[in-house]
N, C-alpha and C. Protein backbone atom coordinates (compact mmCIF):
# COMPACT_ATOMS: atom_id res chain seq x y z
N MET A 1 0.85 -1.16 0.00
CA MET A 1 0.00 0.00 0.00
C MET A 1 0.90 1.22 0.00
N SER A 2 0.70 2.13 -0.90
CA SER A 2 1.53 3.33 -1.00
C SER A 2 0.81 4.52 -0.42
N ALA A 3 1.63 5.50 0.02
CA ALA A 3 1.06 6.71 0.62
C ALA A 3 0.49 7.60 -0.45
N SER A 4 -0.53 8.29 -0.10
CA SER A 4 -1.16 9.22 -1.03
C SER A 4 -0.26 10.43 -1.22
N PRO A 5 -0.07 10.91 -2.48
CA PRO A 5 0.77 12.08 -2.70
C PRO A 5 0.24 13.30 -1.97
N TYR A 6 -1.05 13.29 -1.64
CA TYR A 6 -1.62 14.45 -0.95
C TYR A 6 -1.23 14.49 0.53
N ARG A 7 -0.86 13.31 1.08
CA ARG A 7 -0.41 13.29 2.47
C ARG A 7 1.08 13.60 2.56
N THR A 8 1.89 13.20 1.60
CA THR A 8 3.33 13.45 1.66
C THR A 8 3.67 14.87 1.25
N LEU A 9 2.84 15.50 0.45
CA LEU A 9 3.11 16.87 0.01
C LEU A 9 3.19 17.84 1.20
N PRO A 10 2.25 17.79 2.16
CA PRO A 10 2.38 18.68 3.34
C PRO A 10 3.63 18.38 4.15
N THR A 11 4.02 17.13 4.22
CA THR A 11 5.23 16.77 4.96
C THR A 11 6.47 17.36 4.28
N ILE A 12 6.53 17.24 2.97
CA ILE A 12 7.65 17.81 2.21
C ILE A 12 7.68 19.33 2.36
N ALA A 13 6.52 19.95 2.31
CA ALA A 13 6.44 21.41 2.46
C ALA A 13 6.90 21.82 3.86
N LEU A 14 6.52 21.06 4.87
CA LEU A 14 6.92 21.38 6.24
C LEU A 14 8.45 21.25 6.39
N VAL A 15 9.04 20.19 5.84
CA VAL A 15 10.48 20.01 5.91
C VAL A 15 11.19 21.15 5.19
N PHE A 16 10.71 21.51 4.01
CA PHE A 16 11.30 22.62 3.24
C PHE A 16 11.22 23.92 4.04
N PHE A 17 10.08 24.17 4.65
CA PHE A 17 9.88 25.39 5.44
C PHE A 17 10.85 25.43 6.63
N LEU A 18 11.00 24.29 7.31
CA LEU A 18 11.91 24.23 8.46
C LEU A 18 13.37 24.44 8.02
N LEU A 19 13.74 23.87 6.88
CA LEU A 19 15.09 24.09 6.36
C LEU A 19 15.30 25.55 6.01
N LEU A 20 14.28 26.17 5.43
CA LEU A 20 14.38 27.58 5.05
C LEU A 20 14.57 28.46 6.29
N ILE A 21 13.82 28.17 7.33
CA ILE A 21 13.95 28.94 8.57
C ILE A 21 15.32 28.71 9.19
N GLY A 22 15.79 27.44 9.20
CA GLY A 22 17.08 27.10 9.78
C GLY A 22 18.24 27.77 9.06
N CYS A 23 18.08 28.05 7.77
CA CYS A 23 19.15 28.67 6.99
C CYS A 23 19.03 30.19 6.95
N LYS A 24 18.01 30.72 7.58
CA LYS A 24 17.80 32.16 7.56
C LYS A 24 19.00 32.89 8.17
N GLU A 25 19.44 33.92 7.51
CA GLU A 25 20.57 34.73 7.98
C GLU A 25 20.09 35.60 9.12
N GLU A 26 20.66 35.41 10.29
CA GLU A 26 20.29 36.24 11.43
C GLU A 26 21.17 37.47 11.47
N ASN A 27 20.67 38.51 12.08
CA ASN A 27 21.47 39.72 12.28
C ASN A 27 22.38 39.47 13.47
N LYS A 28 23.58 39.01 13.16
CA LYS A 28 24.54 38.72 14.22
C LYS A 28 25.49 39.90 14.36
N THR A 29 25.80 40.21 15.59
CA THR A 29 26.76 41.26 15.86
C THR A 29 28.16 40.65 15.84
N VAL A 30 29.01 41.18 14.99
CA VAL A 30 30.37 40.70 14.91
C VAL A 30 31.24 41.61 15.77
N ILE A 31 31.94 40.99 16.71
CA ILE A 31 32.80 41.75 17.61
C ILE A 31 34.22 41.64 17.07
N LYS A 32 34.78 42.75 16.71
CA LYS A 32 36.15 42.77 16.22
C LYS A 32 37.05 43.23 17.36
N THR A 33 38.10 42.46 17.57
CA THR A 33 39.05 42.83 18.62
C THR A 33 40.31 43.39 17.97
N ALA A 34 40.92 44.31 18.65
CA ALA A 34 42.16 44.89 18.14
C ALA A 34 43.27 43.85 18.27
N PRO A 35 44.14 43.76 17.28
CA PRO A 35 45.25 42.80 17.39
C PRO A 35 46.19 43.19 18.53
N VAL A 36 46.75 42.18 19.17
CA VAL A 36 47.72 42.43 20.23
C VAL A 36 49.05 42.73 19.55
N THR A 37 49.63 43.87 19.88
CA THR A 37 50.87 44.28 19.22
C THR A 37 52.01 44.41 20.22
N PHE A 38 53.21 44.42 19.70
CA PHE A 38 54.42 44.53 20.50
C PHE A 38 54.56 45.93 21.08
N THR A 39 54.91 46.02 22.35
CA THR A 39 55.19 47.29 23.01
C THR A 39 56.60 47.22 23.57
N LYS A 40 57.50 47.99 22.99
CA LYS A 40 58.89 47.97 23.46
C LYS A 40 58.97 48.56 24.86
N GLU A 41 59.51 47.75 25.79
CA GLU A 41 59.65 48.18 27.19
C GLU A 41 61.09 48.11 27.67
N GLY A 42 61.99 47.67 26.79
CA GLY A 42 63.39 47.57 27.17
C GLY A 42 64.23 47.00 26.06
N VAL A 43 65.52 46.86 26.38
CA VAL A 43 66.50 46.29 25.45
C VAL A 43 67.24 45.20 26.20
N LEU A 44 67.53 44.10 25.51
CA LEU A 44 68.20 42.96 26.13
C LEU A 44 69.35 42.51 25.22
N MET A 45 70.49 42.24 25.82
CA MET A 45 71.64 41.70 25.08
C MET A 45 71.90 40.28 25.58
N VAL A 46 72.19 39.40 24.65
CA VAL A 46 72.63 38.06 24.97
C VAL A 46 74.13 38.01 24.71
N LYS A 47 74.89 37.58 25.73
CA LYS A 47 76.35 37.58 25.62
C LYS A 47 76.91 36.18 25.77
N GLN A 48 77.97 35.93 25.03
CA GLN A 48 78.66 34.66 25.13
C GLN A 48 79.44 34.61 26.44
N GLN A 49 79.35 33.50 27.13
CA GLN A 49 79.97 33.36 28.45
C GLN A 49 81.48 33.54 28.40
N GLU A 50 82.15 32.88 27.48
CA GLU A 50 83.62 32.85 27.48
C GLU A 50 84.26 34.17 27.05
N THR A 51 83.68 34.84 26.06
CA THR A 51 84.32 36.04 25.52
C THR A 51 83.61 37.33 25.92
N ASP A 52 82.41 37.23 26.48
CA ASP A 52 81.58 38.38 26.83
C ASP A 52 81.15 39.17 25.58
N SER A 53 81.31 38.57 24.40
CA SER A 53 80.89 39.25 23.17
C SER A 53 79.37 39.14 23.02
N VAL A 54 78.78 40.14 22.40
CA VAL A 54 77.32 40.20 22.24
C VAL A 54 76.90 39.29 21.10
N LEU A 55 76.03 38.33 21.40
CA LEU A 55 75.50 37.43 20.38
C LEU A 55 74.34 38.07 19.64
N THR A 56 73.54 38.85 20.36
CA THR A 56 72.41 39.56 19.74
C THR A 56 71.88 40.62 20.70
N THR A 57 71.18 41.58 20.14
CA THR A 57 70.48 42.61 20.92
C THR A 57 69.03 42.60 20.50
N LEU A 58 68.12 42.61 21.48
CA LEU A 58 66.68 42.52 21.20
C LEU A 58 65.93 43.67 21.84
N ASP A 59 64.88 44.12 21.19
CA ASP A 59 63.87 44.94 21.83
C ASP A 59 62.97 43.97 22.57
N ILE A 60 62.64 44.29 23.82
CA ILE A 60 61.83 43.36 24.61
C ILE A 60 60.56 44.00 25.15
N GLU A 61 59.58 43.17 25.28
CA GLU A 61 58.37 43.47 26.03
C GLU A 61 58.53 42.70 27.33
N ILE A 62 58.12 43.27 28.44
CA ILE A 62 58.34 42.65 29.74
C ILE A 62 57.01 42.17 30.32
N ALA A 63 56.99 40.92 30.78
CA ALA A 63 55.82 40.34 31.43
C ALA A 63 56.19 40.04 32.87
N GLU A 64 55.50 40.72 33.80
CA GLU A 64 55.80 40.44 35.20
C GLU A 64 54.59 40.38 36.11
N THR A 65 53.43 40.89 35.67
CA THR A 65 52.23 40.71 36.48
C THR A 65 51.68 39.31 36.22
N ASP A 66 50.78 38.85 37.08
CA ASP A 66 50.18 37.53 36.87
C ASP A 66 49.52 37.44 35.50
N TYR A 67 48.74 38.46 35.14
CA TYR A 67 48.06 38.44 33.85
C TYR A 67 49.06 38.40 32.69
N GLU A 68 50.08 39.23 32.75
CA GLU A 68 51.08 39.28 31.67
C GLU A 68 51.83 37.95 31.54
N THR A 69 52.19 37.34 32.67
CA THR A 69 52.94 36.09 32.58
C THR A 69 52.05 34.92 32.14
N GLN A 70 50.78 34.98 32.47
CA GLN A 70 49.86 33.92 32.05
C GLN A 70 49.49 34.06 30.57
N THR A 71 49.46 35.27 30.06
CA THR A 71 49.06 35.51 28.67
C THR A 71 50.25 35.46 27.72
N GLY A 72 51.38 36.05 28.10
CA GLY A 72 52.59 36.01 27.29
C GLY A 72 52.36 36.45 25.86
N LEU A 73 52.74 35.62 24.91
CA LEU A 73 52.61 35.95 23.48
C LEU A 73 51.35 35.34 22.85
N MET A 74 50.38 34.98 23.68
CA MET A 74 49.12 34.47 23.15
C MET A 74 48.45 35.53 22.27
N TYR A 75 47.67 35.05 21.33
CA TYR A 75 46.81 35.89 20.47
C TYR A 75 47.60 36.83 19.56
N ARG A 76 48.85 36.50 19.27
CA ARG A 76 49.65 37.29 18.34
C ARG A 76 49.96 36.44 17.13
N ASN A 77 50.03 37.10 15.98
CA ASN A 77 50.26 36.36 14.74
C ASN A 77 51.72 36.32 14.32
N SER A 78 52.51 37.23 14.84
CA SER A 78 53.92 37.27 14.45
C SER A 78 54.72 38.08 15.47
N MET A 79 56.04 37.98 15.32
CA MET A 79 56.95 38.79 16.14
C MET A 79 58.16 39.07 15.25
N GLU A 80 58.64 40.29 15.29
CA GLU A 80 59.79 40.67 14.47
C GLU A 80 61.03 39.89 14.91
N GLU A 81 62.00 39.81 14.02
CA GLU A 81 63.21 39.02 14.26
C GLU A 81 63.97 39.48 15.51
N GLN A 82 64.12 40.76 15.72
CA GLN A 82 64.92 41.27 16.85
C GLN A 82 64.04 41.68 18.03
N GLN A 83 62.97 40.92 18.26
CA GLN A 83 62.07 41.18 19.37
C GLN A 83 61.95 39.92 20.23
N GLY A 84 61.57 40.13 21.48
CA GLY A 84 61.33 39.02 22.38
C GLY A 84 60.50 39.47 23.56
N MET A 85 60.06 38.51 24.35
CA MET A 85 59.33 38.81 25.58
C MET A 85 60.11 38.24 26.74
N LEU A 86 60.42 39.09 27.72
CA LEU A 86 61.12 38.68 28.92
C LEU A 86 60.12 38.56 30.07
N PHE A 87 60.05 37.37 30.65
CA PHE A 87 59.20 37.12 31.81
C PHE A 87 60.07 37.25 33.05
N ILE A 88 59.59 38.03 34.00
CA ILE A 88 60.33 38.22 35.25
C ILE A 88 59.46 37.69 36.39
N PHE A 89 59.96 36.70 37.10
CA PHE A 89 59.20 36.10 38.20
C PHE A 89 59.77 36.57 39.54
N ASN A 90 58.91 36.65 40.54
CA ASN A 90 59.32 37.05 41.89
C ASN A 90 60.10 35.95 42.59
N ASP A 91 59.94 34.72 42.14
CA ASP A 91 60.58 33.59 42.81
C ASP A 91 61.56 32.90 41.88
N VAL A 92 62.47 32.18 42.47
CA VAL A 92 63.37 31.31 41.73
C VAL A 92 62.80 29.90 41.90
N ALA A 93 62.32 29.33 40.79
CA ALA A 93 61.65 28.03 40.85
C ALA A 93 61.71 27.38 39.48
N VAL A 94 61.33 26.11 39.45
CA VAL A 94 61.18 25.43 38.16
C VAL A 94 59.90 25.97 37.55
N HIS A 95 60.01 26.60 36.39
CA HIS A 95 58.85 27.16 35.70
C HIS A 95 58.57 26.34 34.45
N SER A 96 57.29 26.24 34.12
CA SER A 96 56.87 25.49 32.95
C SER A 96 55.99 26.38 32.07
N PHE A 97 56.19 26.29 30.77
CA PHE A 97 55.43 27.08 29.81
C PHE A 97 54.72 26.14 28.84
N TYR A 98 53.66 26.62 28.21
CA TYR A 98 52.99 25.89 27.14
C TYR A 98 52.55 26.89 26.09
N MET A 99 52.13 26.38 24.95
CA MET A 99 51.87 27.22 23.77
C MET A 99 50.38 27.42 23.49
N LYS A 100 49.54 27.28 24.50
CA LYS A 100 48.10 27.47 24.31
C LYS A 100 47.84 28.86 23.73
N ASN A 101 47.04 28.92 22.69
CA ASN A 101 46.66 30.17 22.02
C ASN A 101 47.85 30.97 21.50
N THR A 102 48.97 30.31 21.28
CA THR A 102 50.16 30.99 20.77
C THR A 102 50.43 30.49 19.35
N ALA A 103 50.35 31.39 18.38
CA ALA A 103 50.44 31.03 16.96
C ALA A 103 51.87 31.09 16.42
N ILE A 104 52.81 31.56 17.22
CA ILE A 104 54.18 31.77 16.75
C ILE A 104 55.07 30.64 17.28
N PRO A 105 55.81 29.92 16.43
CA PRO A 105 56.77 28.95 16.96
C PRO A 105 57.89 29.69 17.69
N LEU A 106 58.25 29.19 18.86
CA LEU A 106 59.18 29.93 19.73
C LEU A 106 60.33 29.07 20.23
N ASP A 107 61.44 29.73 20.55
CA ASP A 107 62.48 29.17 21.40
C ASP A 107 62.25 29.78 22.77
N ILE A 108 62.25 28.96 23.80
CA ILE A 108 62.00 29.42 25.17
C ILE A 108 63.30 29.24 25.95
N ILE A 109 63.84 30.35 26.43
CA ILE A 109 65.15 30.36 27.09
C ILE A 109 64.95 30.63 28.58
N PHE A 110 65.39 29.69 29.41
CA PHE A 110 65.23 29.79 30.85
C PHE A 110 66.52 30.33 31.46
N ILE A 111 66.38 31.35 32.33
CA ILE A 111 67.53 32.10 32.83
C ILE A 111 67.48 32.14 34.36
N ASP A 112 68.61 31.85 35.01
CA ASP A 112 68.63 31.82 36.47
C ASP A 112 68.69 33.23 37.07
N ASP A 113 68.74 33.31 38.39
CA ASP A 113 68.74 34.60 39.07
C ASP A 113 70.05 35.37 38.92
N ASP A 114 71.09 34.73 38.39
CA ASP A 114 72.36 35.41 38.10
C ASP A 114 72.43 35.85 36.64
N LEU A 115 71.30 35.76 35.93
CA LEU A 115 71.16 36.15 34.52
C LEU A 115 71.96 35.24 33.58
N LYS A 116 72.16 33.99 33.98
CA LYS A 116 72.84 33.00 33.14
C LYS A 116 71.80 32.05 32.52
N ILE A 117 72.04 31.69 31.26
CA ILE A 117 71.16 30.74 30.59
C ILE A 117 71.29 29.40 31.30
N ALA A 118 70.15 28.90 31.80
CA ALA A 118 70.14 27.65 32.56
C ALA A 118 69.66 26.47 31.71
N SER A 119 68.76 26.73 30.78
CA SER A 119 68.25 25.70 29.87
C SER A 119 67.43 26.39 28.79
N PHE A 120 67.06 25.63 27.78
CA PHE A 120 66.17 26.19 26.76
C PHE A 120 65.40 25.08 26.08
N GLN A 121 64.28 25.45 25.52
CA GLN A 121 63.44 24.56 24.71
C GLN A 121 63.39 25.17 23.32
N LYS A 122 63.86 24.43 22.32
CA LYS A 122 63.87 24.94 20.96
C LYS A 122 62.59 24.55 20.22
N ASN A 123 62.15 25.46 19.37
CA ASN A 123 61.06 25.22 18.43
C ASN A 123 59.77 24.71 19.09
N ALA A 124 59.31 25.42 20.11
CA ALA A 124 58.03 25.10 20.73
C ALA A 124 56.94 25.34 19.69
N GLN A 125 56.11 24.33 19.48
CA GLN A 125 55.13 24.36 18.39
C GLN A 125 53.86 25.12 18.77
N PRO A 126 53.34 25.93 17.83
CA PRO A 126 52.12 26.69 18.07
C PRO A 126 50.98 25.80 18.57
N PHE A 127 50.25 26.34 19.53
CA PHE A 127 49.03 25.75 20.08
C PHE A 127 49.24 24.44 20.85
N ASN A 128 50.47 23.99 21.01
CA ASN A 128 50.74 22.75 21.73
C ASN A 128 50.63 23.03 23.23
N GLU A 129 49.81 22.27 23.92
CA GLU A 129 49.56 22.51 25.34
C GLU A 129 50.41 21.63 26.26
N ASP A 130 51.40 20.92 25.71
CA ASP A 130 52.31 20.15 26.56
C ASP A 130 53.20 21.12 27.33
N GLY A 131 53.45 20.82 28.60
CA GLY A 131 54.30 21.67 29.42
C GLY A 131 55.76 21.58 29.00
N LEU A 132 56.42 22.73 28.93
CA LEU A 132 57.84 22.81 28.60
C LEU A 132 58.55 23.37 29.83
N SER A 133 59.24 22.51 30.54
CA SER A 133 59.81 22.86 31.84
C SER A 133 61.23 23.40 31.73
N SER A 134 61.55 24.30 32.65
CA SER A 134 62.92 24.80 32.74
C SER A 134 63.86 23.69 33.21
N GLY A 135 63.33 22.73 33.94
CA GLY A 135 64.15 21.62 34.44
C GLY A 135 64.99 21.97 35.66
N VAL A 136 65.30 23.24 35.82
CA VAL A 136 66.09 23.73 36.95
C VAL A 136 65.44 25.03 37.43
N PRO A 137 65.72 25.45 38.67
CA PRO A 137 65.13 26.71 39.14
C PRO A 137 65.63 27.92 38.34
N VAL A 138 64.71 28.77 37.92
CA VAL A 138 65.02 29.99 37.17
C VAL A 138 64.15 31.14 37.66
N GLN A 139 64.55 32.35 37.32
CA GLN A 139 63.78 33.53 37.68
C GLN A 139 63.28 34.29 36.45
N TYR A 140 63.93 34.06 35.30
CA TYR A 140 63.58 34.77 34.06
C TYR A 140 63.35 33.77 32.93
N VAL A 141 62.52 34.16 32.00
CA VAL A 141 62.31 33.36 30.79
C VAL A 141 62.25 34.34 29.62
N LEU A 142 62.95 34.01 28.55
CA LEU A 142 62.95 34.83 27.34
C LEU A 142 62.35 34.01 26.21
N GLU A 143 61.29 34.55 25.60
CA GLU A 143 60.68 33.91 24.43
C GLU A 143 61.09 34.69 23.19
N VAL A 144 61.61 33.96 22.21
CA VAL A 144 62.06 34.54 20.95
C VAL A 144 61.57 33.65 19.81
N ASN A 145 61.68 34.14 18.59
CA ASN A 145 61.28 33.34 17.44
C ASN A 145 62.06 32.04 17.38
N ALA A 146 61.40 30.97 16.98
CA ALA A 146 62.05 29.67 16.82
C ALA A 146 63.22 29.79 15.86
N GLY A 147 64.30 29.11 16.20
CA GLY A 147 65.51 29.14 15.38
C GLY A 147 66.56 30.08 15.92
N SER A 148 66.18 30.97 16.82
CA SER A 148 67.13 31.95 17.37
C SER A 148 68.24 31.30 18.17
N VAL A 149 67.92 30.29 18.99
CA VAL A 149 68.94 29.62 19.80
C VAL A 149 70.04 29.06 18.90
N ASP A 150 69.65 28.42 17.81
CA ASP A 150 70.65 27.87 16.88
C ASP A 150 71.38 28.99 16.15
N GLU A 151 70.65 30.00 15.72
CA GLU A 151 71.27 31.12 14.97
C GLU A 151 72.34 31.81 15.82
N TRP A 152 72.10 31.99 17.10
CA TRP A 152 73.05 32.66 17.98
C TRP A 152 74.11 31.70 18.51
N ALA A 153 73.97 30.42 18.26
CA ALA A 153 74.84 29.39 18.84
C ALA A 153 74.85 29.51 20.37
N LEU A 154 73.66 29.66 20.94
CA LEU A 154 73.49 29.86 22.38
C LEU A 154 73.90 28.61 23.15
N ASN A 155 74.55 28.83 24.28
CA ASN A 155 74.98 27.73 25.15
C ASN A 155 74.53 27.97 26.58
N ILE A 156 74.37 26.88 27.32
CA ILE A 156 74.12 26.99 28.76
C ILE A 156 75.30 27.74 29.35
N GLY A 157 75.02 28.73 30.22
CA GLY A 157 76.08 29.53 30.83
C GLY A 157 76.25 30.89 30.18
N ASP A 158 75.78 31.05 28.91
CA ASP A 158 75.78 32.39 28.32
C ASP A 158 74.90 33.28 29.19
N THR A 159 75.02 34.58 29.05
CA THR A 159 74.33 35.50 29.95
C THR A 159 73.45 36.49 29.19
N ILE A 160 72.60 37.15 29.95
CA ILE A 160 71.81 38.26 29.41
C ILE A 160 72.04 39.50 30.27
N VAL A 161 71.82 40.64 29.66
CA VAL A 161 71.80 41.93 30.35
C VAL A 161 70.61 42.66 29.77
N PHE A 162 69.77 43.25 30.62
CA PHE A 162 68.63 44.00 30.06
C PHE A 162 68.46 45.32 30.79
N LYS A 163 67.82 46.24 30.08
CA LYS A 163 67.56 47.57 30.62
C LYS A 163 66.13 47.94 30.25
N ARG A 164 65.39 48.44 31.23
CA ARG A 164 64.03 48.93 30.97
C ARG A 164 64.10 50.32 30.33
N GLU A 165 63.12 50.62 29.52
CA GLU A 165 63.05 51.97 28.93
C GLU A 165 61.86 52.72 29.47
């Protein structure tokens, strides 16, 4: 026994009407946020331990409040070659970083309270939420573009010097 076309026609019309309503363009408010941009707050030099020669000089943004250290370089699309973010902590401890909401591949350089490079993590991948630990107690962390550690031939024991502007 087959269904009458007169009974299926209202069903088809109802489905079509529901699809039409479901696809209706609503007046949605689009919220545009301003991009997070670099703010130069100081200058930092990385020096070779043995010769005290300057390996590189960077313009730095400084993160030291809870909000700044928790946010870091999140929500940014790029960073210039000679820029970095210096995190300054009140304590000397093993610190761990992750790349949540961070679109830029980074080298993360962990620095002790004597301003000596204690360890580093090369090429931290964007958006990866795995913890990247300093492995040893540190007070400072410098985030720079991935590849910088190799480009500078950075070694454990090299030092930094920074000045606020």
